[in-house]
Amino acid sequence: MWLLLVIRLALADEVRHDKEPTWKYPLGSLVSFIDIAWGLLVLSSWGVADFLARMSSVRIGSGSTAFLVQALGLAVPATALCISLVLGSDLNVNVGRTLLLGIVTGGILGLAYVVYYNGLERGSVSIVSAVASAWLVVTLLFAALAFGESILWNQAILIGVVVVGIFAVGFQRQAVGVPNAGVSYGLAAMVMLGVALALWVPLTKTAGPLLAVFTARALAAVVTGGYLWAKGIGLHWPSGRIGVLTLCGAAALDSLGFVAYNIGIERASLVVIAPFAAAHPVGTIILALLILGERPVIRQWVGMALVVAGVVALSAVAGV
């Protein structure tokens, strides 16, 4: 059902571009609805996927979950890529550059998932997901250092807001009854995700939106599998129907989020898509509160709000 929604949205965009490729539609028109639909698809996919990944990590371990989410998730971009080719899309790419960028991006992405899922397994889901969502800050800083891009004053202010929020979440004495925050895992995942997604842009431009997702996730699966082998950790498969559905759901939704994000920013408005993508921890936090019964203290609530709101505003301003 989710994949069919992606295909229908893509076809709707294709018709729109064929008929009126340069027309700027006003807010509230059909194209605005499609833009928002892409954004909501990214938000819901990543938000639910992170929560399901936490449930799976508790069952079979974060290492096995990280590997299987990457490996099983390959079915989504592979299916979308096949459909795209059947519909007549041209797959003319620079193979060498795609592999090079894919190896670096996928390698860092795979390690980021290992660390992030470790945090979800051991710490507070709401806090870890909120802190890790600040990867956009690292992306902007990395782009400034590596690619010579400039950081505007309003971006600098919003980066400061996010940093203050992280301090509010993590730097306080542990209160009785409050789960271990796992802020260190969130920070490590934030850095690695930020670098990986900074490299995601040139990878997507080189390989296209669908092949980029497939290449990066395939190499991320290799890296996460190598992590299991290097650590001597056995690969575990969940037992029971609920365990299998939880794992497969996390893999499918996480991969679908990347596919929807890439197609969305190519065909729709980046200014609309990026804030929705940045706000995806809201879904994870709500599920953690309702199902896991997490109860962060007031200072952590304020910090999470600053991080998520700052990242959403920053994504709108930066257009990343």
C-alpha atoms as a PDB file:
ATOM      1  CA  MET A   1       0.000   0.000   0.000  1.00  0.00           C
ATOM      2  CA  TRP A   2       2.781   2.424   0.933  1.00  0.00           C
ATOM      3  CA  LEU A   3       4.755   1.597  -2.226  1.00  0.00           C
ATOM      4  CA  LEU A   4       1.641   2.049  -4.363  1.00  0.00           C
ATOM      5  CA  LEU A   5       1.224   5.494  -2.821  1.00  0.00           C
ATOM      6  CA  VAL A   6       4.803   6.365  -3.843  1.00  0.00           C
ATOM      7  CA  ILE A   7       4.153   5.222  -7.407  1.00  0.00           C
ATOM      8  CA  ARG A   8       0.864   7.167  -7.644  1.00  0.00           C
ATOM      9  CA  LEU A   9       2.498  10.324  -6.337  1.00  0.00           C
ATOM     10  CA  ALA A  10       5.395   9.928  -8.754  1.00  0.00           C
ATOM     11  CA  LEU A  11       3.034   9.456 -11.679  1.00  0.00           C
ATOM     12  CA  ALA A  12       1.019  12.497 -10.604  1.00  0.00           C
ATOM     13  CA  ASP A  13       4.229  14.530 -10.548  1.00  0.00           C
ATOM     14  CA  GLU A  14       5.217  13.195 -13.962  1.00  0.00           C
ATOM     15  CA  VAL A  15       1.926  14.363 -15.467  1.00  0.00           C
ATOM     16  CA  ARG A  16       2.313  17.733 -13.803  1.00  0.00           C
ATOM     17  CA  HIS A  17       5.843  18.252 -15.142  1.00  0.00           C
ATOM     18  CA  ASP A  18       4.910  17.118 -18.643  1.00  0.00           C
ATOM     19  CA  LYS A  19       2.021  19.572 -18.874  1.00  0.00           C
ATOM     20  CA  GLU A  20       3.338  22.657 -17.151  1.00  0.00           C
ATOM     21  CA  PRO A  21       7.011  22.300 -16.251  1.00  0.00           C
ATOM     22  CA  THR A  22       7.642  25.920 -15.283  1.00  0.00           C
ATOM     23  CA  TRP A  23       4.333  26.958 -13.728  1.00  0.00           C
ATOM     24  CA  LYS A  24       4.472  28.104 -10.076  1.00  0.00           C
ATOM     25  CA  TYR A  25       1.341  26.862  -8.375  1.00  0.00           C
ATOM     26  CA  PRO A  26      -0.128  28.807  -5.455  1.00  0.00           C
ATOM     27  CA  LEU A  27      -0.456  27.255  -2.003  1.00  0.00           C
ATOM     28  CA  GLY A  28      -3.586  25.148  -1.783  1.00  0.00           C
ATOM     29  CA  SER A  29      -3.459  23.880  -5.358  1.00  0.00           C
ATOM     30  CA  LEU A  30      -3.017  20.268  -6.463  1.00  0.00           C
ATOM     31  CA  VAL A  31       0.752  20.549  -6.662  1.00  0.00           C
ATOM     32  CA  SER A  32       0.927  21.880  -3.105  1.00  0.00           C
ATOM     33  CA  PHE A  33      -1.114  18.897  -1.954  1.00  0.00           C
ATOM     34  CA  ILE A  34       1.321  16.553  -3.707  1.00  0.00           C
ATOM     35  CA  ASP A  35       4.316  18.321  -2.138  1.00  0.00           C
ATOM     36  CA  ILE A  36       2.762  17.977   1.314  1.00  0.00           C
ATOM     37  CA  ALA A  37       1.868  14.337   0.628  1.00  0.00           C
ATOM     38  CA  TRP A  38       5.530  13.553  -0.104  1.00  0.00           C
ATOM     39  CA  GLY A  39       6.543  15.304   3.104  1.00  0.00           C
ATOM     40  CA  LEU A  40       3.960  13.479   5.211  1.00  0.00           C
ATOM     41  CA  LEU A  41       5.055  10.169   3.698  1.00  0.00           C
ATOM     42  CA  VAL A  42       8.667  10.844   4.722  1.00  0.00           C
ATOM     43  CA  LEU A  43       7.649  12.018   8.211  1.00  0.00           C
ATOM     44  CA  SER A  44       5.418   9.034   8.944  1.00  0.00           C
ATOM     45  CA  SER A  45       7.780   6.461   7.410  1.00  0.00           C
ATOM     46  CA  TRP A  46      10.879   7.525   9.338  1.00  0.00           C
ATOM     47  CA  GLY A  47       8.965   8.293  12.535  1.00  0.00           C
ATOM     48  CA  VAL A  48       7.350   4.845  12.746  1.00  0.00           C
ATOM     49  CA  ALA A  49      10.442   3.040  11.402  1.00  0.00           C
ATOM     50  CA  ASP A  50      12.657   4.341  14.217  1.00  0.00           C
ATOM     51  CA  PHE A  51      10.178   3.183  16.849  1.00  0.00           C
ATOM     52  CA  LEU A  52       9.837  -0.266  15.254  1.00  0.00           C
ATOM     53  CA  ALA A  53      13.629  -0.489  15.048  1.00  0.00           C
ATOM     54  CA  ARG A  54      13.811   0.114  18.787  1.00  0.00           C
ATOM     55  CA  MET A  55      11.325  -2.703  19.433  1.00  0.00           C
ATOM     56  CA  SER A  56      13.297  -5.024  17.179  1.00  0.00           C
ATOM     57  CA  SER A  57      16.630  -4.032  18.750  1.00  0.00           C
ATOM     58  CA  VAL A  58      15.343  -5.050  22.170  1.00  0.00           C
ATOM     59  CA  ARG A  59      14.253  -8.411  20.765  1.00  0.00           C
ATOM     60  CA  ILE A  60      17.255  -9.431  18.656  1.00  0.00           C
ATOM     61  CA  GLY A  61      19.925  -6.824  19.395  1.00  0.00           C
ATOM     62  CA  SER A  62      20.798  -3.538  17.730  1.00  0.00           C
ATOM     63  CA  GLY A  63      23.529  -5.048  15.542  1.00  0.00           C
ATOM     64  CA  SER A  64      21.264  -7.635  13.942  1.00  0.00           C
ATOM     65  CA  THR A  65      18.521  -5.045  13.545  1.00  0.00           C
ATOM     66  CA  ALA A  66      20.873  -2.570  11.848  1.00  0.00           C
ATOM     67  CA  PHE A  67      22.033  -5.190   9.338  1.00  0.00           C
ATOM     68  CA  LEU A  68      18.604  -6.658   8.601  1.00  0.00           C
ATOM     69  CA  VAL A  69      16.949  -3.247   8.242  1.00  0.00           C
ATOM     70  CA  GLN A  70      19.510  -2.341   5.585  1.00  0.00           C
ATOM     71  CA  ALA A  71      19.416  -5.730   3.830  1.00  0.00           C
ATOM     72  CA  LEU A  72      15.652  -6.266   3.841  1.00  0.00           C
ATOM     73  CA  GLY A  73      15.047  -2.601   3.036  1.00  0.00           C
ATOM     74  CA  LEU A  74      16.773  -3.039  -0.327  1.00  0.00           C
ATOM     75  CA  ALA A  75      13.524  -4.505  -1.639  1.00  0.00           C
ATOM     76  CA  VAL A  76      11.878  -1.067  -1.645  1.00  0.00           C
ATOM     77  CA  PRO A  77      14.359   0.885  -3.853  1.00  0.00           C
ATOM     78  CA  ALA A  78      14.905  -2.221  -6.001  1.00  0.00           C
ATOM     79  CA  THR A  79      11.174  -2.497  -6.694  1.00  0.00           C
ATOM     80  CA  ALA A  80      10.817   1.235  -7.304  1.00  0.00           C
ATOM     81  CA  LEU A  81      13.853   1.181  -9.621  1.00  0.00           C
ATOM     82  CA  CYS A  82      12.422  -1.711 -11.667  1.00  0.00           C
ATOM     83  CA  ILE A  83       9.073   0.076 -12.001  1.00  0.00           C
ATOM     84  CA  SER A  84      10.877   3.244 -13.043  1.00  0.00           C
ATOM     85  CA  LEU A  85      12.782   1.369 -15.767  1.00  0.00           C
ATOM     86  CA  VAL A  86       9.605  -0.309 -17.016  1.00  0.00           C
ATOM     87  CA  LEU A  87       7.996   3.132 -17.281  1.00  0.00           C
ATOM     88  CA  GLY A  88      10.843   4.241 -19.527  1.00  0.00           C
ATOM     89  CA  SER A  89      13.302   6.004 -17.220  1.00  0.00           C
ATOM     90  CA  ASP A  90      16.879   6.266 -18.459  1.00  0.00           C
ATOM     91  CA  LEU A  91      19.573   4.704 -16.219  1.00  0.00           C
ATOM     92  CA  ASN A  92      22.589   6.544 -17.598  1.00  0.00           C
ATOM     93  CA  VAL A  93      25.012   7.016 -14.686  1.00  0.00           C
ATOM     94  CA  ASN A  94      28.719   7.367 -14.002  1.00  0.00           C
ATOM     95  CA  VAL A  95      29.387   3.910 -12.523  1.00  0.00           C
ATOM     96  CA  GLY A  96      32.803   4.708 -11.068  1.00  0.00           C
ATOM     97  CA  ARG A  97      31.707   7.895  -9.314  1.00  0.00           C
ATOM     98  CA  THR A  98      28.501   6.226  -8.110  1.00  0.00           C
ATOM     99  CA  LEU A  99      30.453   3.375  -6.531  1.00  0.00           C
ATOM    100  CA  LEU A 100      32.978   5.716  -4.938  1.00  0.00           C
ATOM    101  CA  LEU A 101      30.342   7.973  -3.410  1.00  0.00           C
ATOM    102  CA  GLY A 102      28.211   4.963  -2.526  1.00  0.00           C
ATOM    103  CA  ILE A 103      31.039   3.254  -0.648  1.00  0.00           C
ATOM    104  CA  VAL A 104      31.835   6.327   1.432  1.00  0.00           C
ATOM    105  CA  THR A 105      28.221   7.358   2.011  1.00  0.00           C
ATOM    106  CA  GLY A 106      26.971   3.827   2.647  1.00  0.00           C
ATOM    107  CA  GLY A 107      29.894   3.027   4.939  1.00  0.00           C
ATOM    108  CA  ILE A 108      29.282   6.010   7.184  1.00  0.00           C
ATOM    109  CA  LEU A 109      25.520   5.483   7.025  1.00  0.00           C
ATOM    110  CA  GLY A 110      25.891   1.856   8.111  1.00  0.00           C
ATOM    111  CA  LEU A 111      27.988   2.796  11.135  1.00  0.00           C
ATOM    112  CA  ALA A 112      25.504   5.548  12.003  1.00  0.00           C
ATOM    113  CA  TYR A 113      22.680   3.008  12.084  1.00  0.00           C
ATOM    114  CA  VAL A 114      24.657   0.696  14.360  1.00  0.00           C
ATOM    115  CA  VAL A 115      25.275   3.516  16.836  1.00  0.00           C
ATOM    116  CA  TYR A 116      21.748   4.924  16.552  1.00  0.00           C
ATOM    117  CA  TYR A 117      20.048   1.571  17.113  1.00  0.00           C
ATOM    118  CA  ASN A 118      22.379   0.948  20.068  1.00  0.00           C
ATOM    119  CA  GLY A 119      21.072   4.176  21.546  1.00  0.00           C
ATOM    120  CA  LEU A 120      17.450   3.239  20.863  1.00  0.00           C
ATOM    121  CA  GLU A 121      18.008  -0.133  22.529  1.00  0.00           C
ATOM    122  CA  ARG A 122      19.817   1.153  25.626  1.00  0.00           C
ATOM    123  CA  GLY A 123      18.493   4.661  26.146  1.00  0.00           C
ATOM    124  CA  SER A 124      15.356   6.742  26.031  1.00  0.00           C
ATOM    125  CA  VAL A 125      13.812   6.538  22.555  1.00  0.00           C
ATOM    126  CA  SER A 126      12.384  10.053  22.667  1.00  0.00           C
ATOM    127  CA  ILE A 127      15.695  11.623  23.726  1.00  0.00           C
ATOM    128  CA  VAL A 128      17.990   9.615  21.428  1.00  0.00           C
ATOM    129  CA  SER A 129      15.804  10.246  18.365  1.00  0.00           C
ATOM    130  CA  ALA A 130      15.543  13.969  19.145  1.00  0.00           C
ATOM    131  CA  VAL A 131      19.307  14.415  19.578  1.00  0.00           C
ATOM    132  CA  ALA A 132      20.171  12.331  16.495  1.00  0.00           C
ATOM    133  CA  SER A 133      17.749  14.406  14.414  1.00  0.00           C
ATOM    134  CA  ALA A 134      20.164  17.333  14.745  1.00  0.00           C
ATOM    135  CA  TRP A 135      22.284  15.743  11.981  1.00  0.00           C
ATOM    136  CA  LEU A 136      21.344  18.704   9.773  1.00  0.00           C
ATOM    137  CA  VAL A 137      23.627  20.909  11.872  1.00  0.00           C
ATOM    138  CA  VAL A 138      26.559  18.608  11.095  1.00  0.00           C
ATOM    139  CA  THR A 139      25.571  18.484   7.426  1.00  0.00           C
ATOM    140  CA  LEU A 140      25.722  22.274   7.140  1.00  0.00           C
ATOM    141  CA  LEU A 141      29.018  22.512   9.023  1.00  0.00           C
ATOM    142  CA  PHE A 142      30.541  19.703   6.949  1.00  0.00           C
ATOM    143  CA  ALA A 143      29.355  21.338   3.710  1.00  0.00           C
ATOM    144  CA  ALA A 144      30.932  24.609   4.828  1.00  0.00           C
ATOM    145  CA  LEU A 145      34.278  22.947   5.590  1.00  0.00           C
ATOM    146  CA  ALA A 146      34.432  20.428   2.746  1.00  0.00           C
ATOM    147  CA  PHE A 147      32.558  22.169  -0.062  1.00  0.00           C
ATOM    148  CA  GLY A 148      33.188  25.818   0.840  1.00  0.00           C
ATOM    149  CA  GLU A 149      29.508  26.643   1.347  1.00  0.00           C
ATOM    150  CA  SER A 150      28.677  29.603   3.586  1.00  0.00           C
ATOM    151  CA  ILE A 151      26.525  29.590   6.714  1.00  0.00           C
ATOM    152  CA  LEU A 152      24.144  32.542   6.926  1.00  0.00           C
ATOM    153  CA  TRP A 153      23.485  34.447  10.142  1.00  0.00           C
ATOM    154  CA  ASN A 154      19.965  33.057  10.521  1.00  0.00           C
ATOM    155  CA  GLN A 155      21.308  29.532  10.064  1.00  0.00           C
ATOM    156  CA  ALA A 156      23.948  30.210  12.730  1.00  0.00           C
ATOM    157  CA  ILE A 157      21.252  31.360  15.175  1.00  0.00           C
ATOM    158  CA  LEU A 158      19.184  28.232  14.573  1.00  0.00           C
ATOM    159  CA  ILE A 159      22.264  26.040  14.977  1.00  0.00           C
ATOM    160  CA  GLY A 160      22.759  27.718  18.348  1.00  0.00           C
ATOM    161  CA  VAL A 161      19.145  26.925  19.298  1.00  0.00           C
ATOM    162  CA  VAL A 162      19.692  23.254  18.453  1.00  0.00           C
ATOM    163  CA  VAL A 163      22.931  23.114  20.466  1.00  0.00           C
ATOM    164  CA  VAL A 164      21.194  24.682  23.491  1.00  0.00           C
ATOM    165  CA  GLY A 165      18.455  22.070  23.160  1.00  0.00           C
ATOM    166  CA  ILE A 166      20.989  19.234  23.133  1.00  0.00           C
ATOM    167  CA  PHE A 167      22.609  20.599  26.286  1.00  0.00           C
ATOM    168  CA  ALA A 168      19.198  20.836  27.947  1.00  0.00           C
ATOM    169  CA  VAL A 169      18.418  17.215  27.036  1.00  0.00           C
ATOM    170  CA  GLY A 170      21.693  15.622  28.017  1.00  0.00           C
ATOM    171  CA  PHE A 171      23.555  17.624  30.622  1.00  0.00           C
ATOM    172  CA  GLN A 172      21.613  17.114  33.815  1.00  0.00           C
ATOM    173  CA  ARG A 173      21.677  14.796  36.801  1.00  0.00           C
ATOM    174  CA  GLN A 174      19.761  11.597  36.240  1.00  0.00           C
ATOM    175  CA  ALA A 175      16.371  11.757  37.941  1.00  0.00           C
ATOM    176  CA  VAL A 176      14.790   8.777  39.703  1.00  0.00           C
ATOM    177  CA  GLY A 177      12.542   6.859  37.312  1.00  0.00           C
ATOM    178  CA  VAL A 178      13.887   8.585  34.197  1.00  0.00           C
ATOM    179  CA  PRO A 179      15.464   6.102  31.760  1.00  0.00           C
ATOM    180  CA  ASN A 180      19.076   6.462  30.731  1.00  0.00           C
ATOM    181  CA  ALA A 181      18.998   9.177  28.104  1.00  0.00           C
ATOM    182  CA  GLY A 182      21.576   7.619  25.776  1.00  0.00           C
ATOM    183  CA  VAL A 183      22.623  11.112  24.702  1.00  0.00           C
ATOM    184  CA  SER A 184      26.132   9.949  23.792  1.00  0.00           C
ATOM    185  CA  TYR A 185      24.690   7.510  21.242  1.00  0.00           C
ATOM    186  CA  GLY A 186      22.447  10.229  19.864  1.00  0.00           C
ATOM    187  CA  LEU A 187      25.365  12.622  19.500  1.00  0.00           C
ATOM    188  CA  ALA A 188      27.550  10.022  17.765  1.00  0.00           C
ATOM    189  CA  ALA A 189      24.701   9.116  15.404  1.00  0.00           C
ATOM    190  CA  MET A 190      24.074  12.826  14.775  1.00  0.00           C
ATOM    191  CA  VAL A 191      27.671  13.356  13.617  1.00  0.00           C
ATOM    192  CA  MET A 192      27.801  10.292  11.365  1.00  0.00           C
ATOM    193  CA  LEU A 193      24.352  10.856   9.876  1.00  0.00           C
ATOM    194  CA  GLY A 194      25.264  14.488   9.235  1.00  0.00           C
ATOM    195  CA  VAL A 195      28.387  13.554   7.267  1.00  0.00           C
ATOM    196  CA  ALA A 196      26.629  10.731   5.391  1.00  0.00           C
ATOM    197  CA  LEU A 197      23.717  12.933   4.354  1.00  0.00           C
ATOM    198  CA  ALA A 198      26.054  15.731   3.288  1.00  0.00           C
ATOM    199  CA  LEU A 199      27.555  13.214   0.851  1.00  0.00           C
ATOM    200  CA  TRP A 200      24.047  12.033  -0.032  1.00  0.00           C
ATOM    201  CA  VAL A 201      23.486  15.110  -2.198  1.00  0.00           C
ATOM    202  CA  PRO A 202      26.330  14.469  -4.707  1.00  0.00           C
ATOM    203  CA  LEU A 203      25.488  10.741  -4.701  1.00  0.00           C
ATOM    204  CA  THR A 204      21.870  11.480  -5.656  1.00  0.00           C
ATOM    205  CA  LYS A 205      22.941  13.939  -8.346  1.00  0.00           C
ATOM    206  CA  THR A 206      25.289  11.310  -9.798  1.00  0.00           C
ATOM    207  CA  ALA A 207      23.134   8.178  -9.570  1.00  0.00           C
ATOM    208  CA  GLY A 208      19.598   9.526  -9.505  1.00  0.00           C
ATOM    209  CA  PRO A 209      17.132   9.301  -6.591  1.00  0.00           C
ATOM    210  CA  LEU A 210      16.378   5.574  -6.695  1.00  0.00           C
ATOM    211  CA  LEU A 211      19.779   4.130  -7.557  1.00  0.00           C
ATOM    212  CA  ALA A 212      21.353   6.364  -4.899  1.00  0.00           C
ATOM    213  CA  VAL A 213      19.140   4.843  -2.197  1.00  0.00           C
ATOM    214  CA  PHE A 214      19.817   1.301  -3.400  1.00  0.00           C
ATOM    215  CA  THR A 215      23.591   1.806  -3.658  1.00  0.00           C
ATOM    216  CA  ALA A 216      24.003   3.498  -0.280  1.00  0.00           C
ATOM    217  CA  ARG A 217      21.841   0.996   1.570  1.00  0.00           C
ATOM    218  CA  ALA A 218      23.482  -2.008  -0.108  1.00  0.00           C
ATOM    219  CA  LEU A 219      26.903  -0.825   1.009  1.00  0.00           C
ATOM    220  CA  ALA A 220      25.512   0.078   4.434  1.00  0.00           C
ATOM    221  CA  ALA A 221      24.348  -3.538   4.708  1.00  0.00           C
ATOM    222  CA  VAL A 222      27.883  -4.706   3.929  1.00  0.00           C
ATOM    223  CA  VAL A 223      29.295  -2.437   6.638  1.00  0.00           C
ATOM    224  CA  THR A 224      26.756  -3.463   9.281  1.00  0.00           C
ATOM    225  CA  GLY A 225      27.369  -7.112   8.404  1.00  0.00           C
ATOM    226  CA  GLY A 226      31.107  -6.498   8.744  1.00  0.00           C
ATOM    227  CA  TYR A 227      30.487  -4.942  12.154  1.00  0.00           C
ATOM    228  CA  LEU A 228      28.706  -8.104  13.326  1.00  0.00           C
ATOM    229  CA  TRP A 229      31.555 -10.263  12.042  1.00  0.00           C
ATOM    230  CA  ALA A 230      34.290  -8.083  13.566  1.00  0.00           C
ATOM    231  CA  LYS A 231      32.560  -8.029  16.964  1.00  0.00           C
ATOM    232  CA  GLY A 232      31.814 -11.731  16.865  1.00  0.00           C
ATOM    233  CA  ILE A 233      28.091 -11.057  17.197  1.00  0.00           C
ATOM    234  CA  GLY A 234      25.797 -13.715  15.810  1.00  0.00           C
ATOM    235  CA  LEU A 235      23.042 -12.729  13.417  1.00  0.00           C
ATOM    236  CA  HIS A 236      19.665 -13.220  15.065  1.00  0.00           C
ATOM    237  CA  TRP A 237      16.283 -13.512  13.386  1.00  0.00           C
ATOM    238  CA  PRO A 238      13.199 -12.590  15.416  1.00  0.00           C
ATOM    239  CA  SER A 239      10.952 -15.358  16.634  1.00  0.00           C
ATOM    240  CA  GLY A 240       7.202 -15.164  16.344  1.00  0.00           C
ATOM    241  CA  ARG A 241       4.971 -13.362  13.905  1.00  0.00           C
ATOM    242  CA  ILE A 242       5.023 -10.041  15.772  1.00  0.00           C
ATOM    243  CA  GLY A 243       8.817  -9.986  15.883  1.00  0.00           C
ATOM    244  CA  VAL A 244       9.104 -10.656  12.149  1.00  0.00           C
ATOM    245  CA  LEU A 245       6.472  -8.051  11.268  1.00  0.00           C
ATOM    246  CA  THR A 246       8.171  -5.482  13.508  1.00  0.00           C
ATOM    247  CA  LEU A 247      11.539  -6.013  11.836  1.00  0.00           C
ATOM    248  CA  CYS A 248      10.151  -6.068   8.296  1.00  0.00           C
ATOM    249  CA  GLY A 249       8.071  -2.989   9.029  1.00  0.00           C
ATOM    250  CA  ALA A 250      11.125  -1.101  10.273  1.00  0.00           C
ATOM    251  CA  ALA A 251      13.116  -2.108   7.173  1.00  0.00           C
ATOM    252  CA  ALA A 252      10.373  -1.261   4.685  1.00  0.00           C
ATOM    253  CA  LEU A 253       9.397   2.069   6.237  1.00  0.00           C
ATOM    254  CA  ASP A 254      12.960   3.246   6.788  1.00  0.00           C
ATOM    255  CA  SER A 255      13.866   2.514   3.170  1.00  0.00           C
ATOM    256  CA  LEU A 256      10.585   3.962   1.916  1.00  0.00           C
ATOM    257  CA  GLY A 257      11.395   7.189   3.765  1.00  0.00           C
ATOM    258  CA  PHE A 258      14.633   7.569   1.818  1.00  0.00           C
ATOM    259  CA  VAL A 259      12.930   6.780  -1.495  1.00  0.00           C
ATOM    260  CA  ALA A 260      10.109   9.235  -0.811  1.00  0.00           C
ATOM    261  CA  TYR A 261      12.564  11.921   0.336  1.00  0.00           C
ATOM    262  CA  ASN A 262      14.732  11.585  -2.769  1.00  0.00           C
ATOM    263  CA  ILE A 263      11.808  11.505  -5.194  1.00  0.00           C
ATOM    264  CA  GLY A 264      10.105  14.295  -3.281  1.00  0.00           C
ATOM    265  CA  ILE A 265      13.005  16.732  -3.403  1.00  0.00           C
ATOM    266  CA  GLU A 266      13.510  15.957  -7.107  1.00  0.00           C
ATOM    267  CA  ARG A 267       9.895  16.371  -8.179  1.00  0.00           C
ATOM    268  CA  ALA A 268       8.290  18.545  -5.507  1.00  0.00           C
ATOM    269  CA  SER A 269       9.332  21.527  -3.410  1.00  0.00           C
ATOM    270  CA  LEU A 270      12.401  21.076  -1.200  1.00  0.00           C
ATOM    271  CA  VAL A 271      11.183  23.881   1.046  1.00  0.00           C
ATOM    272  CA  VAL A 272       8.120  21.740   1.839  1.00  0.00           C
ATOM    273  CA  ILE A 273       9.777  18.295   1.969  1.00  0.00           C
ATOM    274  CA  ALA A 274      12.775  19.150   4.168  1.00  0.00           C
ATOM    275  CA  PRO A 275      10.869  20.455   7.224  1.00  0.00           C
ATOM    276  CA  PHE A 276       8.572  17.411   7.183  1.00  0.00           C
ATOM    277  CA  ALA A 277      11.600  15.109   7.045  1.00  0.00           C
ATOM    278  CA  ALA A 278      13.301  17.007   9.857  1.00  0.00           C
ATOM    279  CA  ALA A 279      10.183  16.690  12.031  1.00  0.00           C
ATOM    280  CA  HIS A 280      10.042  12.880  11.845  1.00  0.00           C
ATOM    281  CA  PRO A 281      11.234  12.398  15.487  1.00  0.00           C
ATOM    282  CA  VAL A 282       7.854  13.805  16.554  1.00  0.00           C
ATOM    283  CA  GLY A 283       6.202  10.550  15.450  1.00  0.00           C
ATOM    284  CA  THR A 284       8.835   8.459  17.228  1.00  0.00           C
ATOM    285  CA  ILE A 285       8.494  10.488  20.426  1.00  0.00           C
ATOM    286  CA  ILE A 286       4.690  10.210  20.438  1.00  0.00           C
ATOM    287  CA  LEU A 287       4.878   6.432  20.033  1.00  0.00           C
ATOM    288  CA  ALA A 288       7.482   6.201  22.811  1.00  0.00           C
ATOM    289  CA  LEU A 289       5.226   8.180  25.143  1.00  0.00           C
ATOM    290  CA  LEU A 290       2.056   6.248  24.337  1.00  0.00           C
ATOM    291  CA  ILE A 291       3.408   2.707  24.066  1.00  0.00           C
ATOM    292  CA  LEU A 292       6.607   2.645  26.158  1.00  0.00           C
ATOM    293  CA  GLY A 293       5.362   5.074  28.772  1.00  0.00           C
ATOM    294  CA  GLU A 294       8.511   7.223  28.666  1.00  0.00           C
ATOM    295  CA  ARG A 295       8.320  10.318  30.855  1.00  0.00           C
ATOM    296  CA  PRO A 296      11.167  12.785  30.272  1.00  0.00           C
ATOM    297  CA  VAL A 297      11.598  15.515  32.879  1.00  0.00           C
ATOM    298  CA  ILE A 298      10.623  19.115  32.093  1.00  0.00           C
ATOM    299  CA  ARG A 299      14.143  20.192  31.140  1.00  0.00           C
ATOM    300  CA  GLN A 300      14.393  17.322  28.675  1.00  0.00           C
ATOM    301  CA  TRP A 301      11.009  18.264  27.198  1.00  0.00           C
ATOM    302  CA  VAL A 302      12.229  21.799  26.627  1.00  0.00           C
ATOM    303  CA  GLY A 303      15.469  20.521  25.103  1.00  0.00           C
ATOM    304  CA  MET A 304      13.695  18.125  22.732  1.00  0.00           C
ATOM    305  CA  ALA A 305      11.320  20.869  21.650  1.00  0.00           C
ATOM    306  CA  LEU A 306      14.244  23.214  20.920  1.00  0.00           C
ATOM    307  CA  VAL A 307      16.115  20.533  18.957  1.00  0.00           C
ATOM    308  CA  VAL A 308      13.177  19.436  16.807  1.00  0.00           C
ATOM    309  CA  ALA A 309      11.830  22.956  16.227  1.00  0.00           C
ATOM    310  CA  GLY A 310      15.322  24.289  15.507  1.00  0.00           C
ATOM    311  CA  VAL A 311      16.051  21.508  13.008  1.00  0.00           C
ATOM    312  CA  VAL A 312      12.703  21.988  11.238  1.00  0.00           C
ATOM    313  CA  ALA A 313      13.287  25.748  10.943  1.00  0.00           C
ATOM    314  CA  LEU A 314      16.890  25.189   9.883  1.00  0.00           C
ATOM    315  CA  SER A 315      15.842  22.766   7.147  1.00  0.00           C
ATOM    316  CA  ALA A 316      13.371  25.333   5.807  1.00  0.00           C
ATOM    317  CA  VAL A 317      15.978  28.104   5.854  1.00  0.00           C
ATOM    318  CA  ALA A 318      18.846  26.017   4.488  1.00  0.00           C
ATOM    319  CA  GLY A 319      16.767  24.117   1.936  1.00  0.00           C
ATOM    320  CA  VAL A 320      18.554  20.853   2.754  1.00  0.00           C
END
